[in-house]
Amino acid sequence: MNISKAATKAGLTVKTVRYYDTIGMVCPYQNPQTGYRDYSERDIAKLQFVGSARRFNFSIKECRELLSLYEDENRSSETVKALTMQKISDIEDRLTELTRLRDKLAHLASACHGDSRPDCPILDAFSAKNPPS
């Protein structure tokens, strides 16, 4: 099928499918006469797999590794679980950081009068003269 149908079936944009093709995540058949790519059901499955992994915030490098494991029938689930546990740890770290940032912003917002005066602790915190810690 053509790239547009492949993208729709995989739940991705044409631009994303083209990108995954460019970086070698999928290698559809390319008609030598027309130059058009023909995506197979196997290509669609790979695109769906990578799309799902990306929604869980796996990097392209991690997606390559997961895709390799997905295609390896002799794989060890131990490796897959280890990658997943590392991703969970990364997400927890990011949540901690986002919570810290939210709390700092909430503090700055509560310190700002939000009136017609020009002084603003939020802008002061963002300026070079008083960087947030």
N, C-alpha and C. Protein backbone atom coordinates (compact mmCIF):
# COMPACT_ATOMS: atom_id res chain seq x y z
N MET A 1 0.84 -1.18 0.00
CA MET A 1 0.00 0.00 0.00
C MET A 1 0.88 1.24 0.00
N ASN A 2 0.34 2.36 -0.43
CA ASN A 2 1.13 3.58 -0.49
C ASN A 2 1.32 4.18 0.90
N ILE A 3 2.13 5.20 0.97
CA ILE A 3 2.50 5.78 2.27
C ILE A 3 1.30 6.38 2.99
N SER A 4 0.39 6.97 2.26
CA SER A 4 -0.78 7.58 2.88
C SER A 4 -1.65 6.52 3.56
N LYS A 5 -1.91 5.43 2.87
CA LYS A 5 -2.70 4.35 3.44
C LYS A 5 -1.95 3.69 4.61
N ALA A 6 -0.65 3.53 4.43
CA ALA A 6 0.16 2.93 5.49
C ALA A 6 0.11 3.79 6.75
N ALA A 7 0.25 5.09 6.58
CA ALA A 7 0.22 6.00 7.72
C ALA A 7 -1.12 5.92 8.44
N THR A 8 -2.20 5.95 7.67
CA THR A 8 -3.54 5.87 8.26
C THR A 8 -3.71 4.56 9.03
N LYS A 9 -3.32 3.49 8.41
CA LYS A 9 -3.48 2.17 9.03
C LYS A 9 -2.63 2.04 10.30
N ALA A 10 -1.45 2.67 10.29
CA ALA A 10 -0.55 2.60 11.45
C ALA A 10 -0.89 3.63 12.52
N GLY A 11 -1.79 4.56 12.20
CA GLY A 11 -2.14 5.60 13.17
C GLY A 11 -1.07 6.67 13.31
N LEU A 12 -0.33 6.90 12.23
CA LEU A 12 0.75 7.88 12.23
C LEU A 12 0.52 8.89 11.11
N THR A 13 1.30 9.95 11.12
CA THR A 13 1.25 10.90 10.01
C THR A 13 2.16 10.42 8.89
N VAL A 14 1.90 10.90 7.69
CA VAL A 14 2.76 10.56 6.55
C VAL A 14 4.19 11.02 6.83
N LYS A 15 4.31 12.19 7.44
CA LYS A 15 5.65 12.73 7.75
C LYS A 15 6.40 11.78 8.69
N THR A 16 5.71 11.24 9.68
CA THR A 16 6.34 10.31 10.62
C THR A 16 6.75 9.02 9.93
N VAL A 17 5.86 8.50 9.09
CA VAL A 17 6.19 7.27 8.35
C VAL A 17 7.41 7.51 7.46
N ARG A 18 7.43 8.64 6.79
CA ARG A 18 8.57 8.97 5.93
C ARG A 18 9.85 9.05 6.76
N TYR A 19 9.76 9.66 7.94
CA TYR A 19 10.92 9.76 8.83
C TYR A 19 11.41 8.37 9.25
N TYR A 20 10.49 7.50 9.68
CA TYR A 20 10.88 6.15 10.09
C TYR A 20 11.50 5.38 8.93
N ASP A 21 11.03 5.65 7.72
CA ASP A 21 11.63 5.04 6.53
C ASP A 21 13.04 5.58 6.33
N THR A 22 13.20 6.88 6.43
CA THR A 22 14.50 7.53 6.23
C THR A 22 15.56 7.02 7.20
N ILE A 23 15.15 6.78 8.45
CA ILE A 23 16.13 6.32 9.46
C ILE A 23 16.23 4.80 9.52
N GLY A 24 15.51 4.11 8.64
CA GLY A 24 15.65 2.66 8.55
C GLY A 24 14.84 1.85 9.53
N MET A 25 13.85 2.45 10.17
CA MET A 25 12.99 1.68 11.07
C MET A 25 12.14 0.69 10.27
N VAL A 26 11.71 1.12 9.11
CA VAL A 26 11.00 0.24 8.18
C VAL A 26 11.69 0.37 6.82
N CYS A 27 11.65 -0.67 6.06
CA CYS A 27 12.27 -0.66 4.74
C CYS A 27 11.27 -1.22 3.72
N PRO A 28 10.31 -0.39 3.31
CA PRO A 28 9.31 -0.88 2.36
C PRO A 28 9.93 -1.15 0.99
N TYR A 29 9.26 -1.98 0.24
CA TYR A 29 9.69 -2.26 -1.13
C TYR A 29 9.57 -0.98 -1.94
N GLN A 30 10.62 -0.67 -2.70
CA GLN A 30 10.58 0.51 -3.57
C GLN A 30 10.55 0.05 -5.02
N ASN A 31 9.49 0.40 -5.70
CA ASN A 31 9.34 0.03 -7.11
C ASN A 31 10.42 0.73 -7.92
N PRO A 32 11.29 -0.01 -8.60
CA PRO A 32 12.40 0.61 -9.33
C PRO A 32 11.93 1.45 -10.53
N GLN A 33 10.76 1.15 -11.06
CA GLN A 33 10.26 1.90 -12.21
C GLN A 33 9.63 3.23 -11.81
N THR A 34 8.87 3.23 -10.73
CA THR A 34 8.17 4.45 -10.32
C THR A 34 8.86 5.18 -9.17
N GLY A 35 9.64 4.44 -8.39
CA GLY A 35 10.27 5.04 -7.22
C GLY A 35 9.35 5.06 -6.00
N TYR A 36 8.09 4.68 -6.19
CA TYR A 36 7.15 4.67 -5.08
C TYR A 36 7.43 3.51 -4.13
N ARG A 37 7.17 3.75 -2.85
CA ARG A 37 7.34 2.72 -1.85
C ARG A 37 6.02 1.98 -1.66
N ASP A 38 6.13 0.69 -1.42
CA ASP A 38 4.97 -0.15 -1.20
C ASP A 38 5.10 -0.76 0.19
N TYR A 39 4.22 -0.35 1.10
CA TYR A 39 4.28 -0.81 2.48
C TYR A 39 3.46 -2.09 2.65
N SER A 40 4.08 -3.09 3.23
CA SER A 40 3.42 -4.38 3.46
C SER A 40 2.75 -4.38 4.84
N GLU A 41 1.99 -5.43 5.10
CA GLU A 41 1.37 -5.59 6.42
C GLU A 41 2.45 -5.69 7.51
N ARG A 42 3.55 -6.31 7.18
CA ARG A 42 4.68 -6.41 8.14
C ARG A 42 5.23 -5.01 8.44
N ASP A 43 5.35 -4.16 7.41
CA ASP A 43 5.81 -2.79 7.62
C ASP A 43 4.83 -2.03 8.51
N ILE A 44 3.54 -2.24 8.27
CA ILE A 44 2.51 -1.58 9.09
C ILE A 44 2.64 -2.02 10.54
N ALA A 45 2.85 -3.31 10.77
CA ALA A 45 3.00 -3.82 12.13
C ALA A 45 4.20 -3.15 12.82
N LYS A 46 5.29 -3.00 12.10
CA LYS A 46 6.47 -2.33 12.66
C LYS A 46 6.16 -0.87 12.98
N LEU A 47 5.48 -0.21 12.07
CA LEU A 47 5.13 1.20 12.28
C LEU A 47 4.22 1.34 13.52
N GLN A 48 3.25 0.46 13.65
CA GLN A 48 2.37 0.49 14.82
C GLN A 48 3.16 0.24 16.10
N PHE A 49 4.08 -0.71 16.04
CA PHE A 49 4.90 -1.04 17.20
C PHE A 49 5.73 0.17 17.63
N VAL A 50 6.41 0.78 16.67
CA VAL A 50 7.26 1.94 16.98
C VAL A 50 6.40 3.10 17.47
N GLY A 51 5.25 3.32 16.83
CA GLY A 51 4.35 4.38 17.27
C GLY A 51 3.91 4.18 18.71
N SER A 52 3.59 2.95 19.06
CA SER A 52 3.19 2.65 20.45
C SER A 52 4.34 2.90 21.42
N ALA A 53 5.51 2.43 21.07
CA ALA A 53 6.68 2.62 21.94
C ALA A 53 7.01 4.11 22.10
N ARG A 54 6.87 4.87 21.03
CA ARG A 54 7.15 6.32 21.10
C ARG A 54 6.14 7.01 22.01
N ARG A 55 4.89 6.56 22.01
CA ARG A 55 3.88 7.16 22.90
C ARG A 55 4.22 6.91 24.37
N PHE A 56 5.00 5.85 24.63
CA PHE A 56 5.48 5.60 25.98
C PHE A 56 6.82 6.29 26.23
N ASN A 57 7.19 7.17 25.31
CA ASN A 57 8.37 8.02 25.45
C ASN A 57 9.69 7.27 25.29
N PHE A 58 9.68 6.14 24.60
CA PHE A 58 10.93 5.47 24.28
C PHE A 58 11.61 6.25 23.17
N SER A 59 12.90 6.41 23.28
CA SER A 59 13.68 7.14 22.26
C SER A 59 13.77 6.30 20.99
N ILE A 60 14.24 6.91 19.93
CA ILE A 60 14.43 6.18 18.67
C ILE A 60 15.41 5.03 18.89
N LYS A 61 16.49 5.30 19.62
CA LYS A 61 17.47 4.25 19.90
C LYS A 61 16.82 3.10 20.67
N GLU A 62 16.03 3.44 21.68
CA GLU A 62 15.36 2.41 22.47
C GLU A 62 14.33 1.66 21.61
N CYS A 63 13.66 2.38 20.71
CA CYS A 63 12.70 1.74 19.81
C CYS A 63 13.39 0.74 18.89
N ARG A 64 14.57 1.10 18.43
CA ARG A 64 15.34 0.17 17.59
C ARG A 64 15.62 -1.12 18.36
N GLU A 65 16.03 -0.95 19.62
CA GLU A 65 16.34 -2.11 20.44
C GLU A 65 15.09 -2.95 20.71
N LEU A 66 13.99 -2.28 21.04
CA LEU A 66 12.73 -2.99 21.28
C LEU A 66 12.24 -3.69 20.01
N LEU A 67 12.36 -3.01 18.88
CA LEU A 67 11.94 -3.61 17.61
C LEU A 67 12.79 -4.83 17.28
N SER A 68 14.07 -4.75 17.56
CA SER A 68 14.96 -5.88 17.35
C SER A 68 14.54 -7.06 18.24
N LEU A 69 14.19 -6.76 19.48
CA LEU A 69 13.73 -7.81 20.39
C LEU A 69 12.38 -8.38 19.94
N TYR A 70 11.51 -7.49 19.47
CA TYR A 70 10.20 -7.91 18.97
C TYR A 70 10.33 -8.89 17.81
N GLU A 71 11.30 -8.64 16.96
CA GLU A 71 11.49 -9.48 15.78
C GLU A 71 12.28 -10.75 16.07
N ASP A 72 12.93 -10.81 17.22
CA ASP A 72 13.75 -11.96 17.59
C ASP A 72 12.91 -12.96 18.39
N GLU A 73 12.56 -14.06 17.77
CA GLU A 73 11.73 -15.05 18.45
C GLU A 73 12.47 -15.77 19.57
N ASN A 74 13.80 -15.64 19.62
CA ASN A 74 14.59 -16.27 20.68
C ASN A 74 14.97 -15.26 21.77
N ARG A 75 14.28 -14.14 21.79
CA ARG A 75 14.59 -13.08 22.75
C ARG A 75 14.33 -13.53 24.18
N SER A 76 14.90 -12.79 25.08
CA SER A 76 14.67 -13.00 26.50
C SER A 76 13.77 -11.86 26.98
N SER A 77 12.69 -12.21 27.65
CA SER A 77 11.81 -11.15 28.17
C SER A 77 12.51 -10.35 29.27
N GLU A 78 13.58 -10.91 29.81
CA GLU A 78 14.37 -10.23 30.83
C GLU A 78 14.90 -8.89 30.30
N THR A 79 15.39 -8.90 29.07
CA THR A 79 15.92 -7.69 28.45
C THR A 79 14.81 -6.66 28.25
N VAL A 80 13.66 -7.11 27.78
CA VAL A 80 12.53 -6.22 27.55
C VAL A 80 12.08 -5.60 28.87
N LYS A 81 12.00 -6.41 29.89
CA LYS A 81 11.58 -5.90 31.20
C LYS A 81 12.58 -4.89 31.73
N ALA A 82 13.86 -5.17 31.57
CA ALA A 82 14.89 -4.24 32.05
C ALA A 82 14.76 -2.88 31.36
N LEU A 83 14.53 -2.89 30.05
CA LEU A 83 14.33 -1.62 29.32
C LEU A 83 13.10 -0.89 29.84
N THR A 84 12.05 -1.64 30.10
CA THR A 84 10.81 -1.04 30.58
C THR A 84 10.98 -0.49 32.00
N MET A 85 11.66 -1.21 32.85
CA MET A 85 11.90 -0.72 34.21
C MET A 85 12.75 0.55 34.21
N GLN A 86 13.71 0.62 33.29
CA GLN A 86 14.52 1.83 33.17
C GLN A 86 13.66 3.00 32.71
N LYS A 87 12.73 2.75 31.79
CA LYS A 87 11.84 3.80 31.32
C LYS A 87 10.93 4.27 32.45
N ILE A 88 10.45 3.35 33.26
CA ILE A 88 9.63 3.73 34.41
C ILE A 88 10.42 4.63 35.35
N SER A 89 11.67 4.28 35.60
CA SER A 89 12.54 5.09 36.45
C SER A 89 12.75 6.48 35.85
N ASP A 90 12.96 6.53 34.55
CA ASP A 90 13.12 7.83 33.88
C ASP A 90 11.87 8.69 34.01
N ILE A 91 10.71 8.06 33.86
CA ILE A 91 9.44 8.78 33.98
C ILE A 91 9.25 9.28 35.41
N GLU A 92 9.59 8.45 36.38
CA GLU A 92 9.48 8.87 37.78
C GLU A 92 10.39 10.05 38.07
N ASP A 93 11.61 10.02 37.53
CA ASP A 93 12.53 11.15 37.69
C ASP A 93 11.95 12.42 37.08
N ARG A 94 11.37 12.27 35.89
CA ARG A 94 10.78 13.42 35.19
C ARG A 94 9.58 13.95 35.97
N LEU A 95 8.77 13.05 36.54
CA LEU A 95 7.63 13.48 37.35
C LEU A 95 8.08 14.27 38.57
N THR A 96 9.16 13.80 39.20
CA THR A 96 9.72 14.52 40.34
C THR A 96 10.16 15.92 39.94
N GLU A 97 10.85 16.00 38.81
CA GLU A 97 11.31 17.30 38.30
C GLU A 97 10.12 18.20 37.95
N LEU A 98 9.11 17.66 37.30
CA LEU A 98 7.94 18.46 36.94
C LEU A 98 7.18 18.93 38.18
N THR A 99 7.11 18.10 39.20
CA THR A 99 6.46 18.49 40.45
C THR A 99 7.23 19.64 41.10
N ARG A 100 8.55 19.53 41.09
CA ARG A 100 9.39 20.60 41.65
C ARG A 100 9.18 21.90 40.89
N LEU A 101 9.13 21.83 39.56
CA LEU A 101 8.92 23.03 38.74
C LEU A 101 7.53 23.62 39.00
N ARG A 102 6.52 22.76 39.09
CA ARG A 102 5.16 23.24 39.37
C ARG A 102 5.11 23.96 40.70
N ASP A 103 5.75 23.38 41.72
CA ASP A 103 5.74 23.99 43.04
C ASP A 103 6.44 25.35 43.03
N LYS A 104 7.55 25.46 42.31
CA LYS A 104 8.25 26.74 42.22
C LYS A 104 7.40 27.78 41.49
N LEU A 105 6.77 27.35 40.40
CA LEU A 105 5.91 28.29 39.67
C LEU A 105 4.71 28.71 40.52
N ALA A 106 4.14 27.79 41.26
CA ALA A 106 3.02 28.12 42.13
C ALA A 106 3.45 29.14 43.19
N HIS A 107 4.63 28.94 43.74
CA HIS A 107 5.17 29.89 44.72
C HIS A 107 5.35 31.27 44.09
N LEU A 108 5.93 31.31 42.89
CA LEU A 108 6.12 32.59 42.20
C LEU A 108 4.78 33.24 41.88
N ALA A 109 3.82 32.48 41.45
CA ALA A 109 2.50 33.03 41.13
C ALA A 109 1.83 33.59 42.37
N SER A 110 2.00 32.92 43.51
CA SER A 110 1.38 33.43 44.74
C SER A 110 2.09 34.69 45.24
N ALA A 111 3.36 34.84 44.89
CA ALA A 111 4.11 36.03 45.31
C ALA A 111 3.83 37.24 44.42
N CYS A 112 3.25 37.00 43.27
CA CYS A 112 2.95 38.09 42.33
C CYS A 112 1.57 38.66 42.67
N HIS A 113 1.49 39.99 42.76
CA HIS A 113 0.22 40.64 43.08
C HIS A 113 -0.76 40.58 41.90
N GLY A 114 -0.25 40.49 40.69
CA GLY A 114 -1.14 40.42 39.53
C GLY A 114 -1.99 41.66 39.36
N ASP A 115 -1.39 42.81 39.67
CA ASP A 115 -2.14 44.06 39.56
C ASP A 115 -1.53 44.95 38.49
N SER A 116 -1.82 46.22 38.52
CA SER A 116 -1.36 47.15 37.48
C SER A 116 0.06 47.65 37.72
N ARG A 117 0.67 47.28 38.81
CA ARG A 117 2.04 47.71 39.08
C ARG A 117 3.02 46.91 38.23
N PRO A 118 4.18 47.49 37.89
CA PRO A 118 5.13 46.80 37.02
C PRO A 118 5.98 45.74 37.70
N ASP A 119 6.11 45.79 39.03
CA ASP A 119 6.99 44.81 39.69
C ASP A 119 6.33 43.42 39.64
N CYS A 120 7.17 42.44 39.32
CA CYS A 120 6.65 41.08 39.17
C CYS A 120 7.71 40.07 39.58
N PRO A 121 7.49 39.37 40.67
CA PRO A 121 8.47 38.38 41.12
C PRO A 121 8.69 37.24 40.11
N ILE A 122 7.69 36.98 39.28
CA ILE A 122 7.84 35.92 38.28
C ILE A 122 8.90 36.33 37.27
N LEU A 123 8.76 37.54 36.74
CA LEU A 123 9.74 38.03 35.77
C LEU A 123 11.10 38.20 36.40
N ASP A 124 11.13 38.66 37.66
CA ASP A 124 12.41 38.80 38.36
C ASP A 124 13.12 37.45 38.48
N ALA A 125 12.35 36.39 38.78
CA ALA A 125 12.95 35.06 38.93
C ALA A 125 13.50 34.55 37.60
N PHE A 126 12.84 34.92 36.50
CA PHE A 126 13.29 34.46 35.19
C PHE A 126 14.46 35.29 34.65
N SER A 127 14.68 36.46 35.19
CA SER A 127 15.73 37.34 34.68
C SER A 127 17.11 36.86 35.12
N ALA A 128 18.12 37.33 34.43
CA ALA A 128 19.50 36.95 34.75
C ALA A 128 19.93 37.51 36.09
N LYS A 129 19.30 38.60 36.53
CA LYS A 129 19.71 39.21 37.79
C LYS A 129 19.27 38.40 39.01
N ASN A 130 18.30 37.51 38.83
CA ASN A 130 17.81 36.72 39.94
C ASN A 130 17.34 35.35 39.44
N PRO A 131 18.28 34.52 38.96
CA PRO A 131 17.86 33.24 38.38
C PRO A 131 17.25 32.30 39.42
N PRO A 132 16.23 31.53 39.00
CA PRO A 132 15.64 30.56 39.94
C PRO A 132 16.63 29.45 40.27
N SER A 133 16.53 28.93 41.47
CA SER A 133 17.45 27.83 41.86
C SER A 133 16.79 26.51 41.73
